[in-house]
Amino acid sequence: MGKFDGIKGQELLDVEENSGELTLIFKDNRYLFVKVVDGKLSCDSVPE
């Protein structure tokens, strides 16, 4: 899970729910997209 090290300890500003996906928005303008794919959680991050 090293690709998510940049968001560790960052303040969570907002959570948005879209069609089958949660978007977590962090203080440093990073986004984490969480969705369920084939019954398992799938996460993608977008750096600033």
PDB file of N, CA and C in Angstrom:
ATOM      1  N   MET A   1       0.823  -1.192   0.000  1.00  0.00           N
ATOM      2  CA  MET A   1       0.000   0.000   0.000  1.00  0.00           C
ATOM      3  C   MET A   1       0.864   1.251   0.000  1.00  0.00           C
ATOM      4  N   GLY A   2       2.091   1.137  -0.452  1.00  0.00           N
ATOM      5  CA  GLY A   2       2.996   2.265  -0.477  1.00  0.00           C
ATOM      6  C   GLY A   2       2.509   3.434  -1.307  1.00  0.00           C
ATOM      7  N   LYS A   3       1.669   3.156  -2.309  1.00  0.00           N
ATOM      8  CA  LYS A   3       1.209   4.266  -3.149  1.00  0.00           C
ATOM      9  C   LYS A   3       0.278   5.211  -2.400  1.00  0.00           C
ATOM     10  N   PHE A   4      -0.181   4.815  -1.213  1.00  0.00           N
ATOM     11  CA  PHE A   4      -1.064   5.663  -0.419  1.00  0.00           C
ATOM     12  C   PHE A   4      -0.328   6.355   0.726  1.00  0.00           C
ATOM     13  N   ASP A   5       0.998   6.235   0.785  1.00  0.00           N
ATOM     14  CA  ASP A   5       1.765   6.860   1.863  1.00  0.00           C
ATOM     15  C   ASP A   5       1.572   8.369   1.923  1.00  0.00           C
ATOM     16  N   GLY A   6       1.327   9.006   0.795  1.00  0.00           N
ATOM     17  CA  GLY A   6       1.172  10.459   0.748  1.00  0.00           C
ATOM     18  C   GLY A   6      -0.047  10.983   1.487  1.00  0.00           C
ATOM     19  N   ILE A   7      -1.038  10.138   1.727  1.00  0.00           N
ATOM     20  CA  ILE A   7      -2.240  10.614   2.417  1.00  0.00           C
ATOM     21  C   ILE A   7      -2.262  10.223   3.886  1.00  0.00           C
ATOM     22  N   LYS A   8      -1.273   9.444   4.320  1.00  0.00           N
ATOM     23  CA  LYS A   8      -1.216   9.071   5.739  1.00  0.00           C
ATOM     24  C   LYS A   8      -1.044  10.316   6.590  1.00  0.00           C
ATOM     25  N   GLY A   9      -1.886  10.468   7.575  1.00  0.00           N
ATOM     26  CA  GLY A   9      -1.786  11.599   8.495  1.00  0.00           C
ATOM     27  C   GLY A   9      -2.376  12.898   7.961  1.00  0.00           C
ATOM     28  N   GLN A  10      -2.873  12.901   6.722  1.00  0.00           N
ATOM     29  CA  GLN A  10      -3.462  14.112   6.163  1.00  0.00           C
ATOM     30  C   GLN A  10      -4.880  14.295   6.695  1.00  0.00           C
ATOM     31  N   GLU A  11      -5.268  15.521   6.880  1.00  0.00           N
ATOM     32  CA  GLU A  11      -6.610  15.837   7.351  1.00  0.00           C
ATOM     33  C   GLU A  11      -7.635  15.576   6.248  1.00  0.00           C
ATOM     34  N   LEU A  12      -8.702  14.856   6.594  1.00  0.00           N
ATOM     35  CA  LEU A  12      -9.776  14.579   5.653  1.00  0.00           C
ATOM     36  C   LEU A  12     -10.751  15.751   5.664  1.00  0.00           C
ATOM     37  N   LEU A  13     -10.934  16.387   4.501  1.00  0.00           N
ATOM     38  CA  LEU A  13     -11.798  17.560   4.411  1.00  0.00           C
ATOM     39  C   LEU A  13     -13.229  17.224   4.031  1.00  0.00           C
ATOM     40  N   ASP A  14     -13.403  16.258   3.129  1.00  0.00           N
ATOM     41  CA  ASP A  14     -14.747  15.995   2.628  1.00  0.00           C
ATOM     42  C   ASP A  14     -14.850  14.566   2.110  1.00  0.00           C
ATOM     43  N   VAL A  15     -16.056  14.033   2.124  1.00  0.00           N
ATOM     44  CA  VAL A  15     -16.360  12.723   1.556  1.00  0.00           C
ATOM     45  C   VAL A  15     -17.553  12.918   0.639  1.00  0.00           C
ATOM     46  N   GLU A  16     -17.406  12.508  -0.617  1.00  0.00           N
ATOM     47  CA  GLU A  16     -18.493  12.614  -1.580  1.00  0.00           C
ATOM     48  C   GLU A  16     -18.893  11.219  -2.025  1.00  0.00           C
ATOM     49  N   GLU A  17     -20.190  11.007  -2.169  1.00  0.00           N
ATOM     50  CA  GLU A  17     -20.696   9.717  -2.651  1.00  0.00           C
ATOM     51  C   GLU A  17     -21.266   9.910  -4.045  1.00  0.00           C
ATOM     52  N   ASN A  18     -20.698   9.184  -5.000  1.00  0.00           N
ATOM     53  CA  ASN A  18     -21.174   9.210  -6.375  1.00  0.00           C
ATOM     54  C   ASN A  18     -21.646   7.803  -6.727  1.00  0.00           C
ATOM     55  N   SER A  19     -22.110   7.596  -7.899  1.00  0.00           N
ATOM     56  CA  SER A  19     -22.677   6.307  -8.313  1.00  0.00           C
ATOM     57  C   SER A  19     -21.729   5.136  -8.020  1.00  0.00           C
ATOM     58  N   GLY A  20     -21.937   4.505  -6.865  1.00  0.00           N
ATOM     59  CA  GLY A  20     -21.154   3.329  -6.498  1.00  0.00           C
ATOM     60  C   GLY A  20     -19.727   3.604  -6.091  1.00  0.00           C
ATOM     61  N   GLU A  21     -19.378   4.850  -5.804  1.00  0.00           N
ATOM     62  CA  GLU A  21     -17.999   5.198  -5.477  1.00  0.00           C
ATOM     63  C   GLU A  21     -17.971   6.268  -4.392  1.00  0.00           C
ATOM     64  N   LEU A  22     -17.029   6.147  -3.476  1.00  0.00           N
ATOM     65  CA  LEU A  22     -16.769   7.189  -2.478  1.00  0.00           C
ATOM     66  C   LEU A  22     -15.514   7.939  -2.889  1.00  0.00           C
ATOM     67  N   THR A  23     -15.530   9.244  -2.759  1.00  0.00           N
ATOM     68  CA  THR A  23     -14.351  10.062  -3.015  1.00  0.00           C
ATOM     69  C   THR A  23     -13.971  10.740  -1.707  1.00  0.00           C
ATOM     70  N   LEU A  24     -12.753  10.469  -1.240  1.00  0.00           N
ATOM     71  CA  LEU A  24     -12.228  11.101  -0.035  1.00  0.00           C
ATOM     72  C   LEU A  24     -11.313  12.233  -0.475  1.00  0.00           C
ATOM     73  N   ILE A  25     -11.547  13.433   0.045  1.00  0.00           N
ATOM     74  CA  ILE A  25     -10.763  14.606  -0.335  1.00  0.00           C
ATOM     75  C   ILE A  25      -9.957  15.045   0.883  1.00  0.00           C
ATOM     76  N   PHE A  26      -8.641  15.119   0.710  1.00  0.00           N
ATOM     77  CA  PHE A  26      -7.736  15.447   1.799  1.00  0.00           C
ATOM     78  C   PHE A  26      -7.251  16.885   1.704  1.00  0.00           C
ATOM     79  N   LYS A  27      -6.704  17.368   2.807  1.00  0.00           N
ATOM     80  CA  LYS A  27      -6.294  18.767   2.954  1.00  0.00           C
ATOM     81  C   LYS A  27      -5.313  19.218   1.872  1.00  0.00           C
ATOM     82  N   ASP A  28      -4.394  18.366   1.459  1.00  0.00           N
ATOM     83  CA  ASP A  28      -3.387  18.775   0.481  1.00  0.00           C
ATOM     84  C   ASP A  28      -3.868  18.601  -0.961  1.00  0.00           C
ATOM     85  N   ASN A  29      -5.202  18.572  -1.147  1.00  0.00           N
ATOM     86  CA  ASN A  29      -5.845  18.473  -2.453  1.00  0.00           C
ATOM     87  C   ASN A  29      -5.580  17.140  -3.148  1.00  0.00           C
ATOM     88  N   ARG A  30      -5.455  16.077  -2.359  1.00  0.00           N
ATOM     89  CA  ARG A  30      -5.350  14.730  -2.910  1.00  0.00           C
ATOM     90  C   ARG A  30      -6.711  14.061  -2.789  1.00  0.00           C
ATOM     91  N   TYR A  31      -6.982  13.175  -3.713  1.00  0.00           N
ATOM     92  CA  TYR A  31      -8.252  12.470  -3.764  1.00  0.00           C
ATOM     93  C   TYR A  31      -7.995  10.971  -3.686  1.00  0.00           C
ATOM     94  N   LEU A  32      -8.876  10.259  -2.993  1.00  0.00           N
ATOM     95  CA  LEU A  32      -8.835   8.799  -2.943  1.00  0.00           C
ATOM     96  C   LEU A  32     -10.211   8.306  -3.350  1.00  0.00           C
ATOM     97  N   PHE A  33     -10.261   7.505  -4.410  1.00  0.00           N
ATOM     98  CA  PHE A  33     -11.510   6.962  -4.922  1.00  0.00           C
ATOM     99  C   PHE A  33     -11.634   5.523  -4.453  1.00  0.00           C
ATOM    100  N   VAL A  34     -12.736   5.199  -3.794  1.00  0.00           N
ATOM    101  CA  VAL A  34     -12.962   3.868  -3.246  1.00  0.00           C
ATOM    102  C   VAL A  34     -14.252   3.314  -3.849  1.00  0.00           C
ATOM    103  N   LYS A  35     -14.165   2.112  -4.418  1.00  0.00           N
ATOM    104  CA  LYS A  35     -15.355   1.475  -4.974  1.00  0.00           C
ATOM    105  C   LYS A  35     -15.241  -0.036  -4.788  1.00  0.00           C
ATOM    106  N   VAL A  36     -16.347  -0.735  -4.988  1.00  0.00           N
ATOM    107  CA  VAL A  36     -16.372  -2.184  -4.874  1.00  0.00           C
ATOM    108  C   VAL A  36     -16.340  -2.772  -6.286  1.00  0.00           C
ATOM    109  N   VAL A  37     -15.347  -3.644  -6.530  1.00  0.00           N
ATOM    110  CA  VAL A  37     -15.204  -4.318  -7.816  1.00  0.00           C
ATOM    111  C   VAL A  37     -15.153  -5.816  -7.545  1.00  0.00           C
ATOM    112  N   ASP A  38     -16.097  -6.544  -8.090  1.00  0.00           N
ATOM    113  CA  ASP A  38     -16.185  -7.998  -7.886  1.00  0.00           C
ATOM    114  C   ASP A  38     -16.202  -8.366  -6.410  1.00  0.00           C
ATOM    115  N   GLY A  39     -16.902  -7.579  -5.589  1.00  0.00           N
ATOM    116  CA  GLY A  39     -17.035  -7.871  -4.170  1.00  0.00           C
ATOM    117  C   GLY A  39     -15.845  -7.477  -3.312  1.00  0.00           C
ATOM    118  N   LYS A  40     -14.848  -6.805  -3.889  1.00  0.00           N
ATOM    119  CA  LYS A  40     -13.661  -6.368  -3.139  1.00  0.00           C
ATOM    120  C   LYS A  40     -13.496  -4.867  -3.283  1.00  0.00           C
ATOM    121  N   LEU A  41     -12.921  -4.248  -2.236  1.00  0.00           N
ATOM    122  CA  LEU A  41     -12.659  -2.813  -2.308  1.00  0.00           C
ATOM    123  C   LEU A  41     -11.533  -2.533  -3.281  1.00  0.00           C
ATOM    124  N   SER A  42     -11.705  -1.503  -4.085  1.00  0.00           N
ATOM    125  CA  SER A  42     -10.693  -1.065  -5.032  1.00  0.00           C
ATOM    126  C   SER A  42     -10.446   0.416  -4.784  1.00  0.00           C
ATOM    127  N   CYS A  43      -9.175   0.811  -4.719  1.00  0.00           N
ATOM    128  CA  CYS A  43      -8.834   2.194  -4.418  1.00  0.00           C
ATOM    129  C   CYS A  43      -7.884   2.745  -5.475  1.00  0.00           C
ATOM    130  N   ASP A  44      -8.098   3.970  -5.860  1.00  0.00           N
ATOM    131  CA  ASP A  44      -7.216   4.704  -6.740  1.00  0.00           C
ATOM    132  C   ASP A  44      -7.003   6.076  -6.120  1.00  0.00           C
ATOM    133  N   SER A  45      -5.791   6.581  -6.220  1.00  0.00           N
ATOM    134  CA  SER A  45      -5.511   7.906  -5.673  1.00  0.00           C
ATOM    135  C   SER A  45      -5.063   8.831  -6.789  1.00  0.00           C
ATOM    136  N   VAL A  46      -5.298  10.118  -6.583  1.00  0.00           N
ATOM    137  CA  VAL A  46      -4.867  11.146  -7.514  1.00  0.00           C
ATOM    138  C   VAL A  46      -4.089  12.173  -6.713  1.00  0.00           C
ATOM    139  N   PRO A  47      -2.785  12.293  -6.981  1.00  0.00           N
ATOM    140  CA  PRO A  47      -2.008  13.315  -6.258  1.00  0.00           C
ATOM    141  C   PRO A  47      -2.408  14.710  -6.697  1.00  0.00           C
ATOM    142  N   GLU A  48      -1.929  15.700  -5.965  1.00  0.00           N
ATOM    143  CA  GLU A  48      -2.298  17.094  -6.246  1.00  0.00           C
ATOM    144  C   GLU A  48      -2.063  17.511  -7.656  1.00  0.00           C
TER     145      GLU A  48
END
